[in-house]
C-alpha atoms as a PDB file:
ATOM      1  CA  MET A   1     163.911  29.342  89.470  1.00  0.00           C
ATOM      2  CA  ALA A   2     162.064  32.477  88.441  1.00  0.00           C
ATOM      3  CA  GLY A   3     159.947  32.197  91.580  1.00  0.00           C
ATOM      4  CA  GLN A   4     163.037  32.066  93.798  1.00  0.00           C
ATOM      5  CA  ARG A   5     164.433  35.176  92.115  1.00  0.00           C
ATOM      6  CA  SER A   6     161.113  36.936  92.616  1.00  0.00           C
ATOM      7  CA  ASN A   7     161.009  35.997  96.297  1.00  0.00           C
ATOM      8  CA  GLY A   8     164.602  37.167  96.710  1.00  0.00           C
ATOM      9  CA  ALA A   9     163.793  40.518  95.129  1.00  0.00           C
ATOM     10  CA  ILE A  10     160.780  40.939  97.381  1.00  0.00           C
ATOM     11  CA  LEU A  11     162.856  40.115 100.475  1.00  0.00           C
ATOM     12  CA  GLU A  12     165.569  42.539  99.409  1.00  0.00           C
ATOM     13  CA  LYS A  13     162.965  45.250  98.856  1.00  0.00           C
ATOM     14  CA  LYS A  14     161.496  44.646 102.314  1.00  0.00           C
ATOM     15  CA  LEU A  15     164.932  44.917 103.911  1.00  0.00           C
ATOM     16  CA  GLN A  16     165.582  48.173 102.055  1.00  0.00           C
ATOM     17  CA  ASN A  17     162.233  49.575 103.177  1.00  0.00           C
ATOM     18  CA  LYS A  18     162.937  48.543 106.767  1.00  0.00           C
ATOM     19  CA  ALA A  19     166.346  50.221 106.700  1.00  0.00           C
ATOM     20  CA  ALA A  20     164.830  53.363 105.201  1.00  0.00           C
ATOM     21  CA  GLY A  21     162.120  53.356 107.852  1.00  0.00           C
ATOM     22  CA  ALA A  22     164.671  53.002 110.637  1.00  0.00           C
ATOM     23  CA  LYS A  23     166.617  55.902 109.163  1.00  0.00           C
ATOM     24  CA  ASN A  24     163.490  58.043 108.973  1.00  0.00           C
ATOM     25  CA  ASP A  25     162.643  57.190 112.579  1.00  0.00           C
ATOM     26  CA  ALA A  26     165.968  58.616 113.805  1.00  0.00           C
ATOM     27  CA  PRO A  27     165.396  61.898 115.702  1.00  0.00           C
ATOM     28  CA  THR A  28     166.391  65.106 113.966  1.00  0.00           C
ATOM     29  CA  PRO A  29     168.822  67.512 115.687  1.00  0.00           C
ATOM     30  CA  SER A  30     165.843  69.744 116.463  1.00  0.00           C
ATOM     31  CA  GLN A  31     163.956  66.866 118.091  1.00  0.00           C
ATOM     32  CA  THR A  32     167.026  65.848 120.099  1.00  0.00           C
ATOM     33  CA  ILE A  33     167.457  69.391 121.420  1.00  0.00           C
ATOM     34  CA  ALA A  34     163.756  69.585 122.296  1.00  0.00           C
ATOM     35  CA  ALA A  35     164.039  66.298 124.215  1.00  0.00           C
ATOM     36  CA  TYR A  36     167.026  67.536 126.242  1.00  0.00           C
ATOM     37  CA  MET A  37     165.244  70.819 126.883  1.00  0.00           C
ATOM     38  CA  ASP A  38     162.239  68.940 128.223  1.00  0.00           C
ATOM     39  CA  LYS A  39     164.474  66.796 130.427  1.00  0.00           C
ATOM     40  CA  MET A  40     166.149  69.927 131.826  1.00  0.00           C
ATOM     41  CA  LYS A  41     162.823  71.671 132.438  1.00  0.00           C
ATOM     42  CA  TYR A  42     162.890  71.535 136.229  1.00  0.00           C
ATOM     43  CA  GLN A  43     166.579  72.394 136.466  1.00  0.00           C
ATOM     44  CA  ILE A  44     166.011  75.478 134.312  1.00  0.00           C
ATOM     45  CA  ALA A  45     162.912  76.429 136.330  1.00  0.00           C
ATOM     46  CA  GLU A  46     164.965  76.263 139.534  1.00  0.00           C
ATOM     47  CA  ALA A  47     167.333  78.898 138.150  1.00  0.00           C
ATOM     48  CA  MET A  48     164.658  81.245 136.818  1.00  0.00           C
ATOM     49  CA  PRO A  49     163.332  84.379 138.540  1.00  0.00           C
ATOM     50  CA  LYS A  50     159.655  84.221 139.460  1.00  0.00           C
ATOM     51  CA  HIS A  51     158.524  86.690 136.789  1.00  0.00           C
ATOM     52  CA  MET A  52     159.458  84.228 134.039  1.00  0.00           C
ATOM     53  CA  SER A  53     157.643  81.154 132.710  1.00  0.00           C
ATOM     54  CA  ILE A  54     159.600  77.974 132.005  1.00  0.00           C
ATOM     55  CA  ASP A  55     157.193  77.012 129.221  1.00  0.00           C
ATOM     56  CA  ARG A  56     157.563  80.395 127.527  1.00  0.00           C
ATOM     57  CA  LEU A  57     161.365  80.367 127.815  1.00  0.00           C
ATOM     58  CA  SER A  58     161.514  76.829 126.406  1.00  0.00           C
ATOM     59  CA  ARG A  59     159.367  77.783 123.421  1.00  0.00           C
ATOM     60  CA  ILE A  60     161.385  80.920 122.695  1.00  0.00           C
ATOM     61  CA  ALA A  61     164.726  79.131 123.081  1.00  0.00           C
ATOM     62  CA  LEU A  62     163.666  76.277 120.798  1.00  0.00           C
ATOM     63  CA  THR A  63     162.366  78.716 118.187  1.00  0.00           C
ATOM     64  CA  THR A  64     165.654  80.629 118.317  1.00  0.00           C
ATOM     65  CA  ILE A  65     167.664  77.434 117.867  1.00  0.00           C
ATOM     66  CA  ARG A  66     165.461  75.950 115.152  1.00  0.00           C
ATOM     67  CA  THR A  67     165.488  79.092 113.024  1.00  0.00           C
ATOM     68  CA  ASN A  68     169.290  79.175 112.889  1.00  0.00           C
ATOM     69  CA  PRO A  69     170.681  76.052 111.150  1.00  0.00           C
ATOM     70  CA  LYS A  70     174.164  76.770 112.509  1.00  0.00           C
ATOM     71  CA  LEU A  71     172.867  76.494 116.085  1.00  0.00           C
ATOM     72  CA  LEU A  72     171.601  72.987 115.294  1.00  0.00           C
ATOM     73  CA  GLU A  73     175.240  72.060 114.636  1.00  0.00           C
ATOM     74  CA  CYS A  74     176.453  73.360 118.012  1.00  0.00           C
ATOM     75  CA  SER A  75     177.332  71.048 120.878  1.00  0.00           C
ATOM     76  CA  MET A  76     174.488  70.126 123.198  1.00  0.00           C
ATOM     77  CA  PRO A  77     176.302  71.264 126.385  1.00  0.00           C
ATOM     78  CA  SER A  78     176.957  74.749 124.978  1.00  0.00           C
ATOM     79  CA  LEU A  79     173.345  75.101 123.775  1.00  0.00           C
ATOM     80  CA  MET A  80     171.891  74.044 127.107  1.00  0.00           C
ATOM     81  CA  GLY A  81     174.440  76.214 128.910  1.00  0.00           C
ATOM     82  CA  ALA A  82     173.338  79.269 126.924  1.00  0.00           C
ATOM     83  CA  VAL A  83     169.690  78.575 127.760  1.00  0.00           C
ATOM     84  CA  MET A  84     170.621  78.210 131.444  1.00  0.00           C
ATOM     85  CA  GLN A  85     172.448  81.556 131.359  1.00  0.00           C
ATOM     86  CA  ALA A  86     169.366  83.229 129.902  1.00  0.00           C
ATOM     87  CA  ALA A  87     167.210  81.592 132.579  1.00  0.00           C
ATOM     88  CA  GLN A  88     169.460  82.685 135.447  1.00  0.00           C
ATOM     89  CA  LEU A  89     169.498  86.285 134.262  1.00  0.00           C
ATOM     90  CA  GLY A  90     165.781  86.294 133.499  1.00  0.00           C
ATOM     91  CA  LEU A  91     166.358  87.276 129.872  1.00  0.00           C
ATOM     92  CA  GLU A  92     164.567  86.018 126.767  1.00  0.00           C
ATOM     93  CA  PRO A  93     166.656  85.170 123.691  1.00  0.00           C
ATOM     94  CA  GLY A  94     165.597  86.172 120.219  1.00  0.00           C
ATOM     95  CA  LEU A  95     163.875  89.080 118.529  1.00  0.00           C
ATOM     96  CA  ILE A  96     162.991  90.976 121.716  1.00  0.00           C
ATOM     97  CA  GLY A  97     166.684  91.858 122.063  1.00  0.00           C
ATOM     98  CA  HIS A  98     167.195  90.782 125.678  1.00  0.00           C
ATOM     99  CA  CYS A  99     169.910  88.324 124.713  1.00  0.00           C
ATOM    100  CA  TYR A 100     171.134  86.231 121.816  1.00  0.00           C
ATOM    101  CA  ILE A 101     172.435  82.695 121.309  1.00  0.00           C
ATOM    102  CA  ILE A 102     175.038  82.875 118.553  1.00  0.00           C
ATOM    103  CA  PRO A 103     176.893  79.938 116.934  1.00  0.00           C
ATOM    104  CA  TYR A 104     180.667  80.222 117.006  1.00  0.00           C
ATOM    105  CA  GLY A 105     182.020  77.145 115.319  1.00  0.00           C
ATOM    106  CA  THR A 106     180.412  74.238 117.147  1.00  0.00           C
ATOM    107  CA  GLU A 107     179.842  76.194 120.348  1.00  0.00           C
ATOM    108  CA  ALA A 108     176.828  78.346 121.239  1.00  0.00           C
ATOM    109  CA  THR A 109     177.786  81.754 122.642  1.00  0.00           C
ATOM    110  CA  PHE A 110     175.536  83.708 125.019  1.00  0.00           C
ATOM    111  CA  ILE A 111     175.374  87.456 124.287  1.00  0.00           C
ATOM    112  CA  ILE A 112     173.442  90.014 126.344  1.00  0.00           C
ATOM    113  CA  GLY A 113     171.588  92.584 124.234  1.00  0.00           C
ATOM    114  CA  TYR A 114     170.973  96.290 124.865  1.00  0.00           C
ATOM    115  CA  LYS A 115     167.473  95.695 126.227  1.00  0.00           C
ATOM    116  CA  GLY A 116     168.835  92.964 128.467  1.00  0.00           C
ATOM    117  CA  MET A 117     171.427  95.314 129.963  1.00  0.00           C
ATOM    118  CA  ILE A 118     168.744  97.942 130.588  1.00  0.00           C
ATOM    119  CA  ASP A 119     166.433  95.363 132.157  1.00  0.00           C
ATOM    120  CA  LEU A 120     169.149  94.086 134.502  1.00  0.00           C
ATOM    121  CA  ALA A 121     170.038  97.622 135.603  1.00  0.00           C
ATOM    122  CA  ARG A 122     166.418  98.489 136.364  1.00  0.00           C
ATOM    123  CA  ARG A 123     166.050  95.441 138.604  1.00  0.00           C
ATOM    124  CA  SER A 124     168.491  96.954 141.091  1.00  0.00           C
ATOM    125  CA  GLY A 125     165.722  99.169 142.477  1.00  0.00           C
ATOM    126  CA  ASN A 126     168.175 102.084 142.746  1.00  0.00           C
ATOM    127  CA  ILE A 127     167.815 103.403 139.210  1.00  0.00           C
ATOM    128  CA  LYS A 128     164.880 105.652 138.340  1.00  0.00           C
ATOM    129  CA  SER A 129     165.501 105.587 134.600  1.00  0.00           C
ATOM    130  CA  ILE A 130     168.231 104.511 132.206  1.00  0.00           C
ATOM    131  CA  ALA A 131     168.532 104.735 128.443  1.00  0.00           C
ATOM    132  CA  ALA A 132     171.115 104.953 125.692  1.00  0.00           C
ATOM    133  CA  HIS A 133     171.019 106.719 122.331  1.00  0.00           C
ATOM    134  CA  GLU A 134     173.120 106.622 119.203  1.00  0.00           C
ATOM    135  CA  VAL A 135     174.446 109.891 117.775  1.00  0.00           C
ATOM    136  CA  TYR A 136     174.642 110.576 114.032  1.00  0.00           C
ATOM    137  CA  GLU A 137     177.034 112.984 112.351  1.00  0.00           C
ATOM    138  CA  ASN A 138     174.208 115.358 111.380  1.00  0.00           C
ATOM    139  CA  ASP A 139     172.758 115.458 114.901  1.00  0.00           C
ATOM    140  CA  PHE A 140     173.445 118.380 117.212  1.00  0.00           C
ATOM    141  CA  ILE A 141     175.120 117.277 120.443  1.00  0.00           C
ATOM    142  CA  GLU A 142     176.722 119.295 123.205  1.00  0.00           C
ATOM    143  CA  LEU A 143     178.297 117.526 126.168  1.00  0.00           C
ATOM    144  CA  THR A 144     180.100 119.161 129.060  1.00  0.00           C
ATOM    145  CA  TYR A 145     181.647 117.269 131.968  1.00  0.00           C
ATOM    146  CA  GLY A 146     182.584 118.855 135.280  1.00  0.00           C
ATOM    147  CA  LEU A 147     180.814 120.134 138.388  1.00  0.00           C
ATOM    148  CA  GLU A 148     177.763 120.965 136.304  1.00  0.00           C
ATOM    149  CA  GLU A 149     177.378 118.323 133.646  1.00  0.00           C
ATOM    150  CA  LYS A 150     175.316 119.224 130.625  1.00  0.00           C
ATOM    151  CA  LEU A 151     174.076 117.127 127.736  1.00  0.00           C
ATOM    152  CA  GLN A 152     171.949 118.359 124.867  1.00  0.00           C
ATOM    153  CA  HIS A 153     171.210 116.089 121.924  1.00  0.00           C
ATOM    154  CA  VAL A 154     168.962 117.123 119.041  1.00  0.00           C
ATOM    155  CA  PRO A 155     168.410 114.455 116.342  1.00  0.00           C
ATOM    156  CA  TRP A 156     169.120 115.578 112.783  1.00  0.00           C
ATOM    157  CA  PHE A 157     165.447 115.549 111.788  1.00  0.00           C
ATOM    158  CA  LEU A 158     164.462 117.877 114.677  1.00  0.00           C
ATOM    159  CA  ARG A 159     167.167 120.496 114.239  1.00  0.00           C
ATOM    160  CA  LYS A 160     165.985 124.083 113.764  1.00  0.00           C
ATOM    161  CA  ASP A 161     169.410 125.591 113.126  1.00  0.00           C
ATOM    162  CA  ALA A 162     169.925 123.398 110.058  1.00  0.00           C
ATOM    163  CA  GLN A 163     167.988 121.053 107.829  1.00  0.00           C
ATOM    164  CA  PRO A 164     170.191 118.089 106.932  1.00  0.00           C
ATOM    165  CA  ALA A 165     168.759 115.714 104.337  1.00  0.00           C
ATOM    166  CA  GLU A 166     169.932 112.575 106.104  1.00  0.00           C
ATOM    167  CA  SER A 167     171.319 111.321 109.384  1.00  0.00           C
ATOM    168  CA  GLY A 168     174.825 110.535 108.220  1.00  0.00           C
ATOM    169  CA  LYS A 169     176.973 107.904 109.896  1.00  0.00           C
ATOM    170  CA  ILE A 170     176.871 106.980 113.578  1.00  0.00           C
ATOM    171  CA  ILE A 171     179.607 108.930 115.370  1.00  0.00           C
ATOM    172  CA  GLY A 172     178.994 107.706 118.915  1.00  0.00           C
ATOM    173  CA  ALA A 173     176.534 106.699 121.602  1.00  0.00           C
ATOM    174  CA  TYR A 174     175.763 107.780 125.147  1.00  0.00           C
ATOM    175  CA  MET A 175     173.980 106.525 128.239  1.00  0.00           C
ATOM    176  CA  VAL A 176     172.037 108.577 130.778  1.00  0.00           C
ATOM    177  CA  ALA A 177     171.017 107.040 134.103  1.00  0.00           C
ATOM    178  CA  LYS A 178     168.965 108.819 136.768  1.00  0.00           C
ATOM    179  CA  PHE A 179     169.135 107.487 140.315  1.00  0.00           C
ATOM    180  CA  ASN A 180     166.449 107.392 142.988  1.00  0.00           C
ATOM    181  CA  ASP A 181     168.548 109.615 145.262  1.00  0.00           C
ATOM    182  CA  GLY A 182     168.515 112.415 142.691  1.00  0.00           C
ATOM    183  CA  GLY A 183     171.924 111.748 141.195  1.00  0.00           C
ATOM    184  CA  HIS A 184     172.670 110.882 137.608  1.00  0.00           C
ATOM    185  CA  PHE A 185     175.394 109.482 135.378  1.00  0.00           C
ATOM    186  CA  ILE A 186     176.258 110.386 131.781  1.00  0.00           C
ATOM    187  CA  HIS A 187     178.632 108.306 129.710  1.00  0.00           C
ATOM    188  CA  TYR A 188     179.576 108.987 126.075  1.00  0.00           C
ATOM    189  CA  MET A 189     181.645 106.842 123.731  1.00  0.00           C
ATOM    190  CA  PRO A 190     182.849 107.887 120.268  1.00  0.00           C
ATOM    191  CA  ILE A 191     182.344 105.336 117.509  1.00  0.00           C
ATOM    192  CA  SER A 192     186.092 104.588 117.428  1.00  0.00           C
ATOM    193  CA  GLU A 193     185.943 103.243 120.995  1.00  0.00           C
ATOM    194  CA  ILE A 194     182.775 101.289 120.247  1.00  0.00           C
ATOM    195  CA  GLU A 195     184.481  99.707 117.237  1.00  0.00           C
ATOM    196  CA  GLU A 196     187.434  98.720 119.426  1.00  0.00           C
ATOM    197  CA  HIS A 197     185.031  96.891 121.735  1.00  0.00           C
ATOM    198  CA  LYS A 198     183.448  95.237 118.713  1.00  0.00           C
ATOM    199  CA  LYS A 199     186.819  94.002 117.439  1.00  0.00           C
ATOM    200  CA  ARG A 200     187.442  92.267 120.764  1.00  0.00           C
ATOM    201  CA  SER A 201     184.174  90.361 120.429  1.00  0.00           C
ATOM    202  CA  LYS A 202     184.456  86.925 118.843  1.00  0.00           C
ATOM    203  CA  ALA A 203     180.956  87.508 117.446  1.00  0.00           C
ATOM    204  CA  SER A 204     181.950  90.772 115.743  1.00  0.00           C
ATOM    205  CA  SER A 205     181.261  89.419 112.255  1.00  0.00           C
ATOM    206  CA  LYS A 206     177.989  87.669 113.007  1.00  0.00           C
ATOM    207  CA  GLY A 207     174.859  87.833 115.103  1.00  0.00           C
ATOM    208  CA  PRO A 208     173.607  91.153 116.522  1.00  0.00           C
ATOM    209  CA  TRP A 209     176.714  93.086 115.468  1.00  0.00           C
ATOM    210  CA  VAL A 210     175.538  92.411 111.898  1.00  0.00           C
ATOM    211  CA  THR A 211     171.753  92.362 112.305  1.00  0.00           C
ATOM    212  CA  ASP A 212     171.340  94.950 115.110  1.00  0.00           C
ATOM    213  CA  TYR A 213     174.388  97.204 114.904  1.00  0.00           C
ATOM    214  CA  THR A 214     172.729 100.280 116.423  1.00  0.00           C
ATOM    215  CA  GLU A 215     171.415  98.296 119.385  1.00  0.00           C
ATOM    216  CA  MET A 216     174.882  96.834 119.978  1.00  0.00           C
ATOM    217  CA  CYS A 217     176.404 100.320 119.950  1.00  0.00           C
ATOM    218  CA  LYS A 218     173.981 101.323 122.707  1.00  0.00           C
ATOM    219  CA  LYS A 219     174.596  98.069 124.582  1.00  0.00           C
ATOM    220  CA  THR A 220     178.353  98.717 124.433  1.00  0.00           C
ATOM    221  CA  VAL A 221     178.106 102.163 126.024  1.00  0.00           C
ATOM    222  CA  VAL A 222     175.861 100.770 128.792  1.00  0.00           C
ATOM    223  CA  ARG A 223     178.272  97.925 129.411  1.00  0.00           C
ATOM    224  CA  SER A 224     181.196 100.351 129.508  1.00  0.00           C
ATOM    225  CA  GLY A 225     179.467 102.445 132.192  1.00  0.00           C
ATOM    226  CA  TRP A 226     178.154  99.402 134.080  1.00  0.00           C
ATOM    227  CA  LYS A 227     180.680  99.653 136.913  1.00  0.00           C
ATOM    228  CA  TRP A 228     179.537 103.182 137.789  1.00  0.00           C
ATOM    229  CA  LEU A 229     175.886 102.296 138.331  1.00  0.00           C
ATOM    230  CA  PRO A 230     174.442 101.832 141.868  1.00  0.00           C
ATOM    231  CA  ILE A 231     173.541  98.178 141.451  1.00  0.00           C
ATOM    232  CA  SER A 232     174.152  95.073 143.522  1.00  0.00           C
ATOM    233  CA  VAL A 233     177.327  93.040 143.207  1.00  0.00           C
ATOM    234  CA  GLU A 234     175.279  90.113 141.897  1.00  0.00           C
ATOM    235  CA  ILE A 235     173.703  92.101 139.094  1.00  0.00           C
ATOM    236  CA  ALA A 236     176.954  93.922 138.326  1.00  0.00           C
ATOM    237  CA  SER A 237     178.723  90.589 137.901  1.00  0.00           C
ATOM    238  CA  ALA A 238     176.053  89.401 135.462  1.00  0.00           C
ATOM    239  CA  VAL A 239     177.892  91.190 132.685  1.00  0.00           C
ATOM    240  CA  THR A 240     180.757  88.711 133.111  1.00  0.00           C
ATOM    241  CA  GLN A 241     178.542  86.075 131.485  1.00  0.00           C
ATOM    242  CA  ASP A 242     178.296  88.165 128.338  1.00  0.00           C
ATOM    243  CA  GLU A 243     179.811  86.549 125.237  1.00  0.00           C
ATOM    244  CA  THR A 244     180.724  83.336 127.030  1.00  0.00           C
ATOM    245  CA  VAL A 245     180.356  79.645 126.272  1.00  0.00           C
ATOM    246  CA  ARG A 246     179.060  77.649 129.192  1.00  0.00           C
ATOM    247  CA  LYS A 247     178.965  73.862 129.279  1.00  0.00           C
ATOM    248  CA  ASP A 248     178.173  73.321 132.964  1.00  0.00           C
ATOM    249  CA  ILE A 249     174.385  73.398 133.271  1.00  0.00           C
ATOM    250  CA  THR A 250     174.260  73.246 137.079  1.00  0.00           C
ATOM    251  CA  PRO A 251     171.892  76.035 138.196  1.00  0.00           C
ATOM    252  CA  ASN A 252     173.665  76.698 141.495  1.00  0.00           C
ATOM    253  CA  ASP A 253     176.569  78.815 140.244  1.00  0.00           C
ATOM    254  CA  GLU A 254     176.724  82.584 140.800  1.00  0.00           C
ATOM    255  CA  PRO A 255     175.238  84.760 139.546  1.00  0.00           C
ATOM    256  CA  PHE A 256     172.012  82.917 140.356  1.00  0.00           C
ATOM    257  CA  VAL A 257     168.570  84.527 140.068  1.00  0.00           C
ATOM    258  CA  PHE A 258     168.127  88.229 139.380  1.00  0.00           C
ATOM    259  CA  ASP A 259     164.502  88.985 140.114  1.00  0.00           C
ATOM    260  CA  MET A 260     162.393  92.092 139.764  1.00  0.00           C
ATOM    261  CA  PRO A 261     162.446  94.300 142.905  1.00  0.00           C
ATOM    262  CA  THR A 262     159.418  94.096 145.158  1.00  0.00           C
ATOM    263  CA  GLU A 263     157.376  97.213 145.878  1.00  0.00           C
ATOM    264  CA  PRO A 264     158.846  98.860 149.010  1.00  0.00           C
ATOM    265  CA  LYS A 265     156.749  99.925 151.951  1.00  0.00           C
ATOM    266  CA  ASP A 266     157.030 103.457 153.309  1.00  0.00           C
ATOM    267  CA  GLY A 267     160.483 104.012 154.732  1.00  0.00           C
ATOM    268  CA  GLU A 268     161.896 100.806 153.272  1.00  0.00           C
ATOM    269  CA  THR A 269     164.366 100.345 150.453  1.00  0.00           C
ATOM    270  CA  PRO A 270     163.488  98.162 147.475  1.00  0.00           C
ATOM    271  CA  GLN A 271     164.427  94.528 147.882  1.00  0.00           C
ATOM    272  CA  THR A 272     165.466  92.071 145.242  1.00  0.00           C
ATOM    273  CA  LYS A 273     165.265  88.336 145.502  1.00  0.00           C
ATOM    274  CA  ASP A 274     168.138  86.762 147.404  1.00  0.00           C
ATOM    275  CA  ALA A 275     170.103  84.713 144.920  1.00  0.00           C
ATOM    276  CA  THR A 276     170.732  82.063 147.563  1.00  0.00           C
ATOM    277  CA  GLN A 277     167.055  81.432 148.274  1.00  0.00           C
ATOM    278  CA  PRO A 278     165.068  78.815 146.373  1.00  0.00           C
ATOM    279  CA  ASN A 279     162.347  79.906 143.980  1.00  0.00           C
ATOM    280  CA  ASN A 280     159.087  78.961 145.718  1.00  0.00           C
ATOM    281  CA  THR A 281     157.056  79.607 142.603  1.00  0.00           C
ATOM    282  CA  ASP A 282     158.801  76.967 140.528  1.00  0.00           C
ATOM    283  CA  PRO A 283     156.707  74.120 139.138  1.00  0.00           C
ATOM    284  CA  GLN A 284     156.287  71.147 141.436  1.00  0.00           C
ATOM    285  CA  GLN A 285     158.847  68.497 140.645  1.00  0.00           C
ATOM    286  CA  PRO A 286     157.762  64.921 139.906  1.00  0.00           C
ATOM    287  CA  ALA A 287     157.586  62.615 142.888  1.00  0.00           C
ATOM    288  CA  ASP A 288     159.925  60.147 141.227  1.00  0.00           C
ATOM    289  CA  GLY A 289     162.614  62.808 140.921  1.00  0.00           C
ATOM    290  CA  SER A 290     162.776  62.425 137.162  1.00  0.00           C
ATOM    291  CA  GLY A 291     163.183  66.157 136.770  1.00  0.00           C
ATOM    292  CA  GLN A 292     166.575  65.977 138.458  1.00  0.00           C
ATOM    293  CA  ASP A 293     168.085  63.268 136.281  1.00  0.00           C
ATOM    294  CA  GLU A 294     171.720  63.886 135.482  1.00  0.00           C
ATOM    295  CA  LEU A 295     172.223  64.624 131.798  1.00  0.00           C
ATOM    296  CA  GLU A 296     175.072  63.012 129.933  1.00  0.00           C
ATOM    297  CA  PHE A 297     176.317  64.507 126.695  1.00  0.00           C
ATOM    298  CA  GLU A 298     178.336  62.598 124.175  1.00  0.00           C
END
């Protein structure tokens, strides 16, 4: 009788160990996301401009997702959609500040950063230089609009007419763009207008508005002046993807690929990659077509 009880206990223990092992073998959310990312590799590569690497983007995207526990709780379609948006625009998510993937409930939201806006504008080939700066209350700034525009901005720590001990609060931000034809564009926004833009953002209480406030102020003034820049319709429309949730991961939607302009020959204007043309530098797809498998999300 004692032997039967002993055998029963051993059997029960084995069953418990087997169940525990099966549970431990279940993929983690991070592993599941990595598997989907790998399955989408060739679809993402098809959407990317030639100056980007699919392996690098995958690593950066996975690192971004893994280091934010809330992103691991987001739906798979919204996560993959955000990665596809970054790929199409040729922007890298994360610390570099090109773009961000922010959790909003169970959906991943794609947000273009200040450096991403600047990078997109420069790809037009028509802009010689573009930059934005924040203005503090102890800075000296003089701005005049009209036939002869004038902007002079002296940071608080470089002022010779006064010696403030600190910068004070941010009171605004401005953008200056110089064009290849000799023209320029100046756009200033007071902090009250920037805050109004922030309030309209569903990510106003999280993400870069919390961690990179100054950069978002500069991004906001660039975005506000976006429509006045001499850039292509395709690049101009890229801003419409900002702060959106995308669940369709098909890489054929507009805007498609925004590549770096090629070096023009004498007498020619800079050319950017046609968004309708395939990317000839993409990795070779498997012969069995496995890279084009349709993904199904539950």
